[in-house]
Amino acid sequence: HGSGPPLVFAHGLGGGFLSWWQQVPHFRKRFSCVVFSHR
């Protein structure tokens, strides 16, 4: 999400790619936000 330098978020044991729903809208303004679910 977004554009700019890459910023990658790695979630905790209780989470997934959706964990960062309060971060992506903020940081996507100046970073390419990468979220993923661990295997």
PDB file of all heavy atoms in Angstrom:
ATOM      1  N   HIS A   1       0.841  -1.201   0.000  1.00  0.00           N
ATOM      2  CA  HIS A   1       0.000   0.000   0.000  1.00  0.00           C
ATOM      3  C   HIS A   1       0.874   1.248   0.000  1.00  0.00           C
ATOM      4  O   HIS A   1       1.863   1.315   0.714  1.00  0.00           O
ATOM      5  CB  HIS A   1      -0.903   0.035   1.239  1.00  0.00           C
ATOM      6  CG  HIS A   1      -1.818  -1.135   1.363  1.00  0.00           C
ATOM      7  ND1 HIS A   1      -3.058  -1.176   0.784  1.00  0.00           N
ATOM      8  CD2 HIS A   1      -1.662  -2.323   2.009  1.00  0.00           C
ATOM      9  CE1 HIS A   1      -3.644  -2.340   1.061  1.00  0.00           C
ATOM     10  NE2 HIS A   1      -2.817  -3.050   1.802  1.00  0.00           N
ATOM     11  N   GLY A   2       0.476   2.238  -0.795  1.00  0.00           N
ATOM     12  CA  GLY A   2       1.183   3.504  -0.807  1.00  0.00           C
ATOM     13  C   GLY A   2       2.365   3.487  -1.755  1.00  0.00           C
ATOM     14  O   GLY A   2       2.551   2.577  -2.570  1.00  0.00           O
ATOM     15  N   SER A   3       3.192   4.522  -1.642  1.00  0.00           N
ATOM     16  CA  SER A   3       4.378   4.630  -2.482  1.00  0.00           C
ATOM     17  C   SER A   3       5.484   5.317  -1.697  1.00  0.00           C
ATOM     18  O   SER A   3       5.232   6.043  -0.734  1.00  0.00           O
ATOM     19  CB  SER A   3       4.070   5.425  -3.748  1.00  0.00           C
ATOM     20  OG  SER A   3       3.640   6.739  -3.429  1.00  0.00           O
ATOM     21  N   GLY A   4       6.715   5.061  -2.106  1.00  0.00           N
ATOM     22  CA  GLY A   4       7.866   5.617  -1.419  1.00  0.00           C
ATOM     23  C   GLY A   4       8.790   4.508  -0.967  1.00  0.00           C
ATOM     24  O   GLY A   4       8.674   3.351  -1.404  1.00  0.00           O
ATOM     25  N   PRO A   5       9.721   4.797  -0.060  1.00  0.00           N
ATOM     26  CA  PRO A   5      10.649   3.778   0.434  1.00  0.00           C
ATOM     27  C   PRO A   5       9.884   2.636   1.106  1.00  0.00           C
ATOM     28  O   PRO A   5       8.858   2.861   1.757  1.00  0.00           O
ATOM     29  CB  PRO A   5      11.505   4.544   1.452  1.00  0.00           C
ATOM     30  CG  PRO A   5      11.351   5.983   1.092  1.00  0.00           C
ATOM     31  CD  PRO A   5       9.981   6.124   0.533  1.00  0.00           C
ATOM     32  N   PRO A   6      10.357   1.408   0.971  1.00  0.00           N
ATOM     33  CA  PRO A   6       9.624   0.266   1.530  1.00  0.00           C
ATOM     34  C   PRO A   6       9.703   0.197   3.052  1.00  0.00           C
ATOM     35  O   PRO A   6      10.766   0.360   3.656  1.00  0.00           O
ATOM     36  CB  PRO A   6      10.307  -0.941   0.886  1.00  0.00           C
ATOM     37  CG  PRO A   6      11.645  -0.455   0.472  1.00  0.00           C
ATOM     38  CD  PRO A   6      11.505   0.994   0.154  1.00  0.00           C
ATOM     39  N   LEU A   7       8.549  -0.048   3.653  1.00  0.00           N
ATOM     40  CA  LEU A   7       8.401  -0.211   5.096  1.00  0.00           C
ATOM     41  C   LEU A   7       7.612  -1.495   5.321  1.00  0.00           C
ATOM     42  O   LEU A   7       6.443  -1.587   4.928  1.00  0.00           O
ATOM     43  CB  LEU A   7       7.676   0.991   5.692  1.00  0.00           C
ATOM     44  CG  LEU A   7       7.324   0.962   7.179  1.00  0.00           C
ATOM     45  CD1 LEU A   7       8.570   0.853   8.042  1.00  0.00           C
ATOM     46  CD2 LEU A   7       6.513   2.206   7.564  1.00  0.00           C
ATOM     47  N   VAL A   8       8.245  -2.480   5.933  1.00  0.00           N
ATOM     48  CA  VAL A   8       7.649  -3.810   6.085  1.00  0.00           C
ATOM     49  C   VAL A   8       7.239  -4.042   7.529  1.00  0.00           C
ATOM     50  O   VAL A   8       8.017  -3.786   8.458  1.00  0.00           O
ATOM     51  CB  VAL A   8       8.643  -4.900   5.632  1.00  0.00           C
ATOM     52  CG1 VAL A   8       8.056  -6.296   5.880  1.00  0.00           C
ATOM     53  CG2 VAL A   8       9.000  -4.729   4.164  1.00  0.00           C
ATOM     54  N   PHE A   9       6.021  -4.551   7.713  1.00  0.00           N
ATOM     55  CA  PHE A   9       5.478  -4.845   9.041  1.00  0.00           C
ATOM     56  C   PHE A   9       5.329  -6.359   9.198  1.00  0.00           C
ATOM     57  O   PHE A   9       4.705  -7.016   8.372  1.00  0.00           O
ATOM     58  CB  PHE A   9       4.105  -4.195   9.216  1.00  0.00           C
ATOM     59  CG  PHE A   9       4.116  -2.693   9.173  1.00  0.00           C
ATOM     60  CD1 PHE A   9       3.971  -2.019   7.966  1.00  0.00           C
ATOM     61  CD2 PHE A   9       4.267  -1.953  10.330  1.00  0.00           C
ATOM     62  CE1 PHE A   9       3.968  -0.629   7.919  1.00  0.00           C
ATOM     63  CE2 PHE A   9       4.276  -0.566  10.296  1.00  0.00           C
ATOM     64  CZ  PHE A   9       4.124   0.095   9.090  1.00  0.00           C
ATOM     65  N   ALA A  10       5.880  -6.905  10.289  1.00  0.00           N
ATOM     66  CA  ALA A  10       5.787  -8.335  10.576  1.00  0.00           C
ATOM     67  C   ALA A  10       5.003  -8.533  11.871  1.00  0.00           C
ATOM     68  O   ALA A  10       5.394  -8.041  12.926  1.00  0.00           O
ATOM     69  CB  ALA A  10       7.186  -8.946  10.693  1.00  0.00           C
ATOM     70  N   HIS A  11       3.909  -9.263  11.793  1.00  0.00           N
ATOM     71  CA  HIS A  11       2.954  -9.375  12.894  1.00  0.00           C
ATOM     72  C   HIS A  11       3.393 -10.363  13.965  1.00  0.00           C
ATOM     73  O   HIS A  11       4.316 -11.166  13.783  1.00  0.00           O
ATOM     74  CB  HIS A  11       1.581  -9.789  12.352  1.00  0.00           C
ATOM     75  CG  HIS A  11       1.572 -11.179  11.753  1.00  0.00           C
ATOM     76  ND1 HIS A  11       1.405 -12.312  12.511  1.00  0.00           N
ATOM     77  CD2 HIS A  11       1.688 -11.608  10.464  1.00  0.00           C
ATOM     78  CE1 HIS A  11       1.403 -13.382  11.722  1.00  0.00           C
ATOM     79  NE2 HIS A  11       1.597 -12.982  10.475  1.00  0.00           N
ATOM     80  N   GLY A  12       2.676 -10.324  15.080  1.00  0.00           N
ATOM     81  CA  GLY A  12       2.932 -11.207  16.200  1.00  0.00           C
ATOM     82  C   GLY A  12       2.119 -12.486  16.143  1.00  0.00           C
ATOM     83  O   GLY A  12       1.369 -12.737  15.188  1.00  0.00           O
ATOM     84  N   LEU A  13       2.242 -13.285  17.199  1.00  0.00           N
ATOM     85  CA  LEU A  13       1.618 -14.605  17.243  1.00  0.00           C
ATOM     86  C   LEU A  13       0.099 -14.527  17.163  1.00  0.00           C
ATOM     87  O   LEU A  13      -0.544 -15.431  16.628  1.00  0.00           O
ATOM     88  CB  LEU A  13       2.038 -15.315  18.543  1.00  0.00           C
ATOM     89  CG  LEU A  13       1.579 -16.751  18.739  1.00  0.00           C
ATOM     90  CD1 LEU A  13       2.166 -17.661  17.672  1.00  0.00           C
ATOM     91  CD2 LEU A  13       1.979 -17.251  20.131  1.00  0.00           C
ATOM     92  N   GLY A  14      -0.486 -13.455  17.667  1.00  0.00           N
ATOM     93  CA  GLY A  14      -1.938 -13.335  17.655  1.00  0.00           C
ATOM     94  C   GLY A  14      -2.472 -12.586  16.452  1.00  0.00           C
ATOM     95  O   GLY A  14      -3.647 -12.200  16.440  1.00  0.00           O
ATOM     96  N   GLY A  15      -1.640 -12.363  15.431  1.00  0.00           N
ATOM     97  CA  GLY A  15      -2.060 -11.492  14.338  1.00  0.00           C
ATOM     98  C   GLY A  15      -1.947 -12.102  12.964  1.00  0.00           C
ATOM     99  O   GLY A  15      -1.925 -13.314  12.768  1.00  0.00           O
ATOM    100  N   GLY A  16      -1.878 -11.211  11.990  1.00  0.00           N
ATOM    101  CA  GLY A  16      -1.781 -11.557  10.577  1.00  0.00           C
ATOM    102  C   GLY A  16      -1.596 -10.265   9.816  1.00  0.00           C
ATOM    103  O   GLY A  16      -1.330  -9.209  10.412  1.00  0.00           O
ATOM    104  N   PHE A  17      -1.795 -10.318   8.524  1.00  0.00           N
ATOM    105  CA  PHE A  17      -1.595  -9.110   7.725  1.00  0.00           C
ATOM    106  C   PHE A  17      -2.547  -7.986   8.134  1.00  0.00           C
ATOM    107  O   PHE A  17      -2.245  -6.809   7.968  1.00  0.00           O
ATOM    108  CB  PHE A  17      -1.737  -9.427   6.229  1.00  0.00           C
ATOM    109  CG  PHE A  17      -3.151  -9.600   5.760  1.00  0.00           C
ATOM    110  CD1 PHE A  17      -3.826  -8.543   5.153  1.00  0.00           C
ATOM    111  CD2 PHE A  17      -3.818 -10.808   5.905  1.00  0.00           C
ATOM    112  CE1 PHE A  17      -5.136  -8.691   4.715  1.00  0.00           C
ATOM    113  CE2 PHE A  17      -5.118 -10.971   5.464  1.00  0.00           C
ATOM    114  CZ  PHE A  17      -5.790  -9.905   4.866  1.00  0.00           C
ATOM    115  N   LEU A  18      -3.693  -8.340   8.711  1.00  0.00           N
ATOM    116  CA  LEU A  18      -4.671  -7.340   9.125  1.00  0.00           C
ATOM    117  C   LEU A  18      -4.272  -6.593  10.400  1.00  0.00           C
ATOM    118  O   LEU A  18      -4.878  -5.579  10.735  1.00  0.00           O
ATOM    119  CB  LEU A  18      -6.031  -8.007   9.359  1.00  0.00           C
ATOM    120  CG  LEU A  18      -6.818  -8.421   8.115  1.00  0.00           C
ATOM    121  CD1 LEU A  18      -8.020  -9.266   8.516  1.00  0.00           C
ATOM    122  CD2 LEU A  18      -7.268  -7.189   7.337  1.00  0.00           C
ATOM    123  N   SER A  19      -3.238  -7.085  11.079  1.00  0.00           N
ATOM    124  CA  SER A  19      -2.834  -6.464  12.344  1.00  0.00           C
ATOM    125  C   SER A  19      -2.561  -4.975  12.205  1.00  0.00           C
ATOM    126  O   SER A  19      -2.765  -4.207  13.146  1.00  0.00           O
ATOM    127  CB  SER A  19      -1.565  -7.144  12.882  1.00  0.00           C
ATOM    128  OG  SER A  19      -1.800  -8.475  13.235  1.00  0.00           O
ATOM    129  N   TRP A  20      -2.131  -4.577  11.019  1.00  0.00           N
ATOM    130  CA  TRP A  20      -1.592  -3.232  10.841  1.00  0.00           C
ATOM    131  C   TRP A  20      -2.607  -2.248  10.256  1.00  0.00           C
ATOM    132  O   TRP A  20      -2.228  -1.260   9.619  1.00  0.00           O
ATOM    133  CB  TRP A  20      -0.346  -3.323   9.965  1.00  0.00           C
ATOM    134  CG  TRP A  20       0.632  -4.307  10.503  1.00  0.00           C
ATOM    135  CD1 TRP A  20       0.884  -5.572  10.031  1.00  0.00           C
ATOM    136  CD2 TRP A  20       1.476  -4.134  11.633  1.00  0.00           C
ATOM    137  NE1 TRP A  20       1.834  -6.193  10.809  1.00  0.00           N
ATOM    138  CE2 TRP A  20       2.218  -5.328  11.802  1.00  0.00           C
ATOM    139  CE3 TRP A  20       1.680  -3.078  12.532  1.00  0.00           C
ATOM    140  CZ2 TRP A  20       3.145  -5.498  12.823  1.00  0.00           C
ATOM    141  CZ3 TRP A  20       2.603  -3.250  13.551  1.00  0.00           C
ATOM    142  CH2 TRP A  20       3.324  -4.447  13.686  1.00  0.00           C
ATOM    143  N   TRP A  21      -3.881  -2.477  10.511  1.00  0.00           N
ATOM    144  CA  TRP A  21      -4.935  -1.640   9.923  1.00  0.00           C
ATOM    145  C   TRP A  21      -4.885  -0.200  10.451  1.00  0.00           C
ATOM    146  O   TRP A  21      -5.402   0.714   9.799  1.00  0.00           O
ATOM    147  CB  TRP A  21      -6.308  -2.255  10.188  1.00  0.00           C
ATOM    148  CG  TRP A  21      -6.692  -2.390  11.629  1.00  0.00           C
ATOM    149  CD1 TRP A  21      -6.286  -3.344  12.496  1.00  0.00           C
ATOM    150  CD2 TRP A  21      -7.562  -1.538  12.376  1.00  0.00           C
ATOM    151  NE1 TRP A  21      -6.846  -3.157  13.734  1.00  0.00           N
ATOM    152  CE2 TRP A  21      -7.639  -2.060  13.696  1.00  0.00           C
ATOM    153  CE3 TRP A  21      -8.296  -0.402  12.059  1.00  0.00           C
ATOM    154  CZ2 TRP A  21      -8.409  -1.470  14.684  1.00  0.00           C
ATOM    155  CZ3 TRP A  21      -9.076   0.185  13.064  1.00  0.00           C
ATOM    156  CH2 TRP A  21      -9.122  -0.344  14.347  1.00  0.00           C
ATOM    157  N   GLN A  22      -4.233   0.004  11.592  1.00  0.00           N
ATOM    158  CA  GLN A  22      -4.111   1.365  12.128  1.00  0.00           C
ATOM    159  C   GLN A  22      -2.771   2.014  11.755  1.00  0.00           C
ATOM    160  O   GLN A  22      -2.562   3.191  12.051  1.00  0.00           O
ATOM    161  CB  GLN A  22      -4.258   1.337  13.651  1.00  0.00           C
ATOM    162  CG  GLN A  22      -5.627   0.827  14.106  1.00  0.00           C
ATOM    163  CD  GLN A  22      -5.734   0.772  15.606  1.00  0.00           C
ATOM    164  OE1 GLN A  22      -6.296   1.676  16.247  1.00  0.00           O
ATOM    165  NE2 GLN A  22      -5.205  -0.281  16.204  1.00  0.00           N
ATOM    166  N   GLN A  23      -1.892   1.244  11.129  1.00  0.00           N
ATOM    167  CA  GLN A  23      -0.608   1.783  10.697  1.00  0.00           C
ATOM    168  C   GLN A  23      -0.590   2.091   9.194  1.00  0.00           C
ATOM    169  O   GLN A  23      -0.066   3.129   8.786  1.00  0.00           O
ATOM    170  CB  GLN A  23       0.523   0.797  11.025  1.00  0.00           C
ATOM    171  CG  GLN A  23       0.982   0.812  12.466  1.00  0.00           C
ATOM    172  CD  GLN A  23      -0.072   0.331  13.445  1.00  0.00           C
ATOM    173  OE1 GLN A  23      -0.588  -0.773  13.299  1.00  0.00           O
ATOM    174  NE2 GLN A  23      -0.410   1.141  14.442  1.00  0.00           N
ATOM    175  N   VAL A  24      -1.129   1.204   8.383  1.00  0.00           N
ATOM    176  CA  VAL A  24      -1.049   1.375   6.933  1.00  0.00           C
ATOM    177  C   VAL A  24      -1.635   2.706   6.467  1.00  0.00           C
ATOM    178  O   VAL A  24      -0.989   3.422   5.684  1.00  0.00           O
ATOM    179  CB  VAL A  24      -1.712   0.188   6.203  1.00  0.00           C
ATOM    180  CG1 VAL A  24      -1.887   0.487   4.716  1.00  0.00           C
ATOM    181  CG2 VAL A  24      -0.871  -1.073   6.391  1.00  0.00           C
ATOM    182  N   PRO A  25      -2.838   3.106   6.909  1.00  0.00           N
ATOM    183  CA  PRO A  25      -3.367   4.398   6.433  1.00  0.00           C
ATOM    184  C   PRO A  25      -2.483   5.583   6.797  1.00  0.00           C
ATOM    185  O   PRO A  25      -2.480   6.598   6.092  1.00  0.00           O
ATOM    186  CB  PRO A  25      -4.731   4.493   7.128  1.00  0.00           C
ATOM    187  CG  PRO A  25      -5.110   3.093   7.430  1.00  0.00           C
ATOM    188  CD  PRO A  25      -3.810   2.403   7.763  1.00  0.00           C
ATOM    189  N   HIS A  26      -1.741   5.463   7.881  1.00  0.00           N
ATOM    190  CA  HIS A  26      -0.850   6.548   8.304  1.00  0.00           C
ATOM    191  C   HIS A  26       0.438   6.560   7.486  1.00  0.00           C
ATOM    192  O   HIS A  26       0.835   7.604   6.949  1.00  0.00           O
ATOM    193  CB  HIS A  26      -0.523   6.399   9.789  1.00  0.00           C
ATOM    194  CG  HIS A  26       0.472   7.377  10.303  1.00  0.00           C
ATOM    195  ND1 HIS A  26       0.143   8.654  10.711  1.00  0.00           N
ATOM    196  CD2 HIS A  26       1.833   7.279  10.470  1.00  0.00           C
ATOM    197  CE1 HIS A  26       1.216   9.297  11.100  1.00  0.00           C
ATOM    198  NE2 HIS A  26       2.270   8.492  10.967  1.00  0.00           N
ATOM    199  N   PHE A  27       1.097   5.408   7.387  1.00  0.00           N
ATOM    200  CA  PHE A  27       2.423   5.363   6.779  1.00  0.00           C
ATOM    201  C   PHE A  27       2.399   5.297   5.255  1.00  0.00           C
ATOM    202  O   PHE A  27       3.416   5.593   4.618  1.00  0.00           O
ATOM    203  CB  PHE A  27       3.212   4.186   7.348  1.00  0.00           C
ATOM    204  CG  PHE A  27       3.652   4.386   8.768  1.00  0.00           C
ATOM    205  CD1 PHE A  27       2.967   3.798   9.816  1.00  0.00           C
ATOM    206  CD2 PHE A  27       4.745   5.184   9.064  1.00  0.00           C
ATOM    207  CE1 PHE A  27       3.375   3.984  11.127  1.00  0.00           C
ATOM    208  CE2 PHE A  27       5.158   5.385  10.369  1.00  0.00           C
ATOM    209  CZ  PHE A  27       4.472   4.783  11.403  1.00  0.00           C
ATOM    210  N   ARG A  28       1.272   4.918   4.674  1.00  0.00           N
ATOM    211  CA  ARG A  28       1.222   4.815   3.216  1.00  0.00           C
ATOM    212  C   ARG A  28       1.359   6.177   2.541  1.00  0.00           C
ATOM    213  O   ARG A  28       1.598   6.245   1.330  1.00  0.00           O
ATOM    214  CB  ARG A  28      -0.083   4.164   2.781  1.00  0.00           C
ATOM    215  CG  ARG A  28      -1.336   4.991   3.042  1.00  0.00           C
ATOM    216  CD  ARG A  28      -2.595   4.241   2.629  1.00  0.00           C
ATOM    217  NE  ARG A  28      -2.623   3.965   1.216  1.00  0.00           N
ATOM    218  CZ  ARG A  28      -3.527   3.187   0.617  1.00  0.00           C
ATOM    219  NH1 ARG A  28      -4.459   2.583   1.345  1.00  0.00           N
ATOM    220  NH2 ARG A  28      -3.481   2.985  -0.677  1.00  0.00           N
ATOM    221  N   LYS A  29       1.251   7.246   3.303  1.00  0.00           N
ATOM    222  CA  LYS A  29       1.382   8.581   2.724  1.00  0.00           C
ATOM    223  C   LYS A  29       2.795   8.859   2.241  1.00  0.00           C
ATOM    224  O   LYS A  29       2.998   9.694   1.363  1.00  0.00           O
ATOM    225  CB  LYS A  29       0.969   9.634   3.756  1.00  0.00           C
ATOM    226  CG  LYS A  29      -0.471   9.503   4.230  1.00  0.00           C
ATOM    227  CD  LYS A  29      -0.753  10.420   5.410  1.00  0.00           C
ATOM    228  CE  LYS A  29      -2.153  10.200   5.977  1.00  0.00           C
ATOM    229  NZ  LYS A  29      -2.399  11.022   7.195  1.00  0.00           N
ATOM    230  N   ARG A  30       3.791   8.164   2.837  1.00  0.00           N
ATOM    231  CA  ARG A  30       5.159   8.423   2.404  1.00  0.00           C
ATOM    232  C   ARG A  30       6.021   7.177   2.288  1.00  0.00           C
ATOM    233  O   ARG A  30       7.204   7.270   1.957  1.00  0.00           O
ATOM    234  CB  ARG A  30       5.841   9.411   3.354  1.00  0.00           C
ATOM    235  CG  ARG A  30       6.013   8.977   4.794  1.00  0.00           C
ATOM    236  CD  ARG A  30       6.496  10.129   5.656  1.00  0.00           C
ATOM    237  NE  ARG A  30       6.819   9.756   7.015  1.00  0.00           N
ATOM    238  CZ  ARG A  30       8.056   9.718   7.510  1.00  0.00           C
ATOM    239  NH1 ARG A  30       9.080  10.010   6.735  1.00  0.00           N
ATOM    240  NH2 ARG A  30       8.275   9.399   8.772  1.00  0.00           N
ATOM    241  N   PHE A  31       5.429   5.999   2.532  1.00  0.00           N
ATOM    242  CA  PHE A  31       6.152   4.748   2.375  1.00  0.00           C
ATOM    243  C   PHE A  31       5.332   3.754   1.561  1.00  0.00           C
ATOM    244  O   PHE A  31       4.099   3.832   1.515  1.00  0.00           O
ATOM    245  CB  PHE A  31       6.444   4.115   3.739  1.00  0.00           C
ATOM    246  CG  PHE A  31       7.401   4.890   4.602  1.00  0.00           C
ATOM    247  CD1 PHE A  31       6.941   5.700   5.632  1.00  0.00           C
ATOM    248  CD2 PHE A  31       8.770   4.805   4.391  1.00  0.00           C
ATOM    249  CE1 PHE A  31       7.815   6.413   6.434  1.00  0.00           C
ATOM    250  CE2 PHE A  31       9.658   5.520   5.191  1.00  0.00           C
ATOM    251  CZ  PHE A  31       9.185   6.326   6.207  1.00  0.00           C
ATOM    252  N   SER A  32       6.019   2.819   0.946  1.00  0.00           N
ATOM    253  CA  SER A  32       5.356   1.639   0.393  1.00  0.00           C
ATOM    254  C   SER A  32       5.247   0.630   1.532  1.00  0.00           C
ATOM    255  O   SER A  32       6.245   0.017   1.929  1.00  0.00           O
ATOM    256  CB  SER A  32       6.166   1.042  -0.762  1.00  0.00           C
ATOM    257  OG  SER A  32       6.202   1.910  -1.865  1.00  0.00           O
ATOM    258  N   CYS A  33       4.050   0.499   2.080  1.00  0.00           N
ATOM    259  CA  CYS A  33       3.836  -0.361   3.244  1.00  0.00           C
ATOM    260  C   CYS A  33       3.580  -1.797   2.790  1.00  0.00           C
ATOM    261  O   CYS A  33       2.647  -2.055   2.019  1.00  0.00           O
ATOM    262  CB  CYS A  33       2.650   0.139   4.056  1.00  0.00           C
ATOM    263  SG  CYS A  33       2.898   1.777   4.767  1.00  0.00           S
ATOM    264  N   VAL A  34       4.398  -2.709   3.261  1.00  0.00           N
ATOM    265  CA  VAL A  34       4.248  -4.123   2.939  1.00  0.00           C
ATOM    266  C   VAL A  34       3.769  -4.846   4.191  1.00  0.00           C
ATOM    267  O   VAL A  34       4.430  -4.803   5.232  1.00  0.00           O
ATOM    268  CB  VAL A  34       5.572  -4.732   2.460  1.00  0.00           C
ATOM    269  CG1 VAL A  34       5.393  -6.212   2.121  1.00  0.00           C
ATOM    270  CG2 VAL A  34       6.121  -3.958   1.262  1.00  0.00           C
ATOM    271  N   VAL A  35       2.610  -5.490   4.087  1.00  0.00           N
ATOM    272  CA  VAL A  35       2.099  -6.322   5.176  1.00  0.00           C
ATOM    273  C   VAL A  35       1.919  -7.735   4.636  1.00  0.00           C
ATOM    274  O   VAL A  35       1.632  -7.925   3.454  1.00  0.00           O
ATOM    275  CB  VAL A  35       0.776  -5.776   5.742  1.00  0.00           C
ATOM    276  CG1 VAL A  35       0.976  -4.421   6.401  1.00  0.00           C
ATOM    277  CG2 VAL A  35      -0.294  -5.667   4.663  1.00  0.00           C
ATOM    278  N   PHE A  36       2.088  -8.713   5.492  1.00  0.00           N
ATOM    279  CA  PHE A  36       1.984 -10.111   5.060  1.00  0.00           C
ATOM    280  C   PHE A  36       1.582 -10.971   6.244  1.00  0.00           C
ATOM    281  O   PHE A  36       1.658 -10.539   7.396  1.00  0.00           O
ATOM    282  CB  PHE A  36       3.313 -10.599   4.469  1.00  0.00           C
ATOM    283  CG  PHE A  36       4.420 -10.708   5.473  1.00  0.00           C
ATOM    284  CD1 PHE A  36       4.745 -11.925   6.054  1.00  0.00           C
ATOM    285  CD2 PHE A  36       5.162  -9.580   5.855  1.00  0.00           C
ATOM    286  CE1 PHE A  36       5.769 -12.027   6.985  1.00  0.00           C
ATOM    287  CE2 PHE A  36       6.190  -9.673   6.787  1.00  0.00           C
ATOM    288  CZ  PHE A  36       6.494 -10.892   7.361  1.00  0.00           C
ATOM    289  N   SER A  37       1.151 -12.173   5.949  1.00  0.00           N
ATOM    290  CA  SER A  37       0.902 -13.165   6.999  1.00  0.00           C
ATOM    291  C   SER A  37       2.023 -14.195   6.953  1.00  0.00           C
ATOM    292  O   SER A  37       2.343 -14.734   5.887  1.00  0.00           O
ATOM    293  CB  SER A  37      -0.447 -13.864   6.785  1.00  0.00           C
ATOM    294  OG  SER A  37      -1.522 -12.998   7.077  1.00  0.00           O
ATOM    295  N   HIS A  38       2.635 -14.421   8.116  1.00  0.00           N
ATOM    296  CA  HIS A  38       3.670 -15.456   8.175  1.00  0.00           C
ATOM    297  C   HIS A  38       3.103 -16.803   7.729  1.00  0.00           C
ATOM    298  O   HIS A  38       1.892 -17.046   7.834  1.00  0.00           O
ATOM    299  CB  HIS A  38       4.189 -15.607   9.610  1.00  0.00           C
ATOM    300  CG  HIS A  38       5.060 -14.489  10.077  1.00  0.00           C
ATOM    301  ND1 HIS A  38       4.582 -13.412  10.786  1.00  0.00           N
ATOM    302  CD2 HIS A  38       6.403 -14.282   9.949  1.00  0.00           C
ATOM    303  CE1 HIS A  38       5.579 -12.591  11.079  1.00  0.00           C
ATOM    304  NE2 HIS A  38       6.693 -13.092  10.582  1.00  0.00           N
ATOM    305  N   ARG A  39       3.994 -17.654   7.244  1.00  0.00           N
ATOM    306  CA  ARG A  39       3.532 -18.985   6.831  1.00  0.00           C
ATOM    307  C   ARG A  39       2.807 -19.676   7.992  1.00  0.00           C
ATOM    308  O   ARG A  39       3.207 -19.579   9.157  1.00  0.00           O
ATOM    309  CB  ARG A  39       4.691 -19.852   6.342  1.00  0.00           C
ATOM    310  CG  ARG A  39       5.679 -20.277   7.366  1.00  0.00           C
ATOM    311  CD  ARG A  39       6.594 -21.383   6.838  1.00  0.00           C
ATOM    312  NE  ARG A  39       7.294 -21.001   5.641  1.00  0.00           N
ATOM    313  CZ  ARG A  39       7.502 -21.818   4.612  1.00  0.00           C
ATOM    314  NH1 ARG A  39       7.053 -23.062   4.643  1.00  0.00           N
ATOM    315  NH2 ARG A  39       8.166 -21.406   3.552  1.00  0.00           N
TER     316      ARG A  39
END
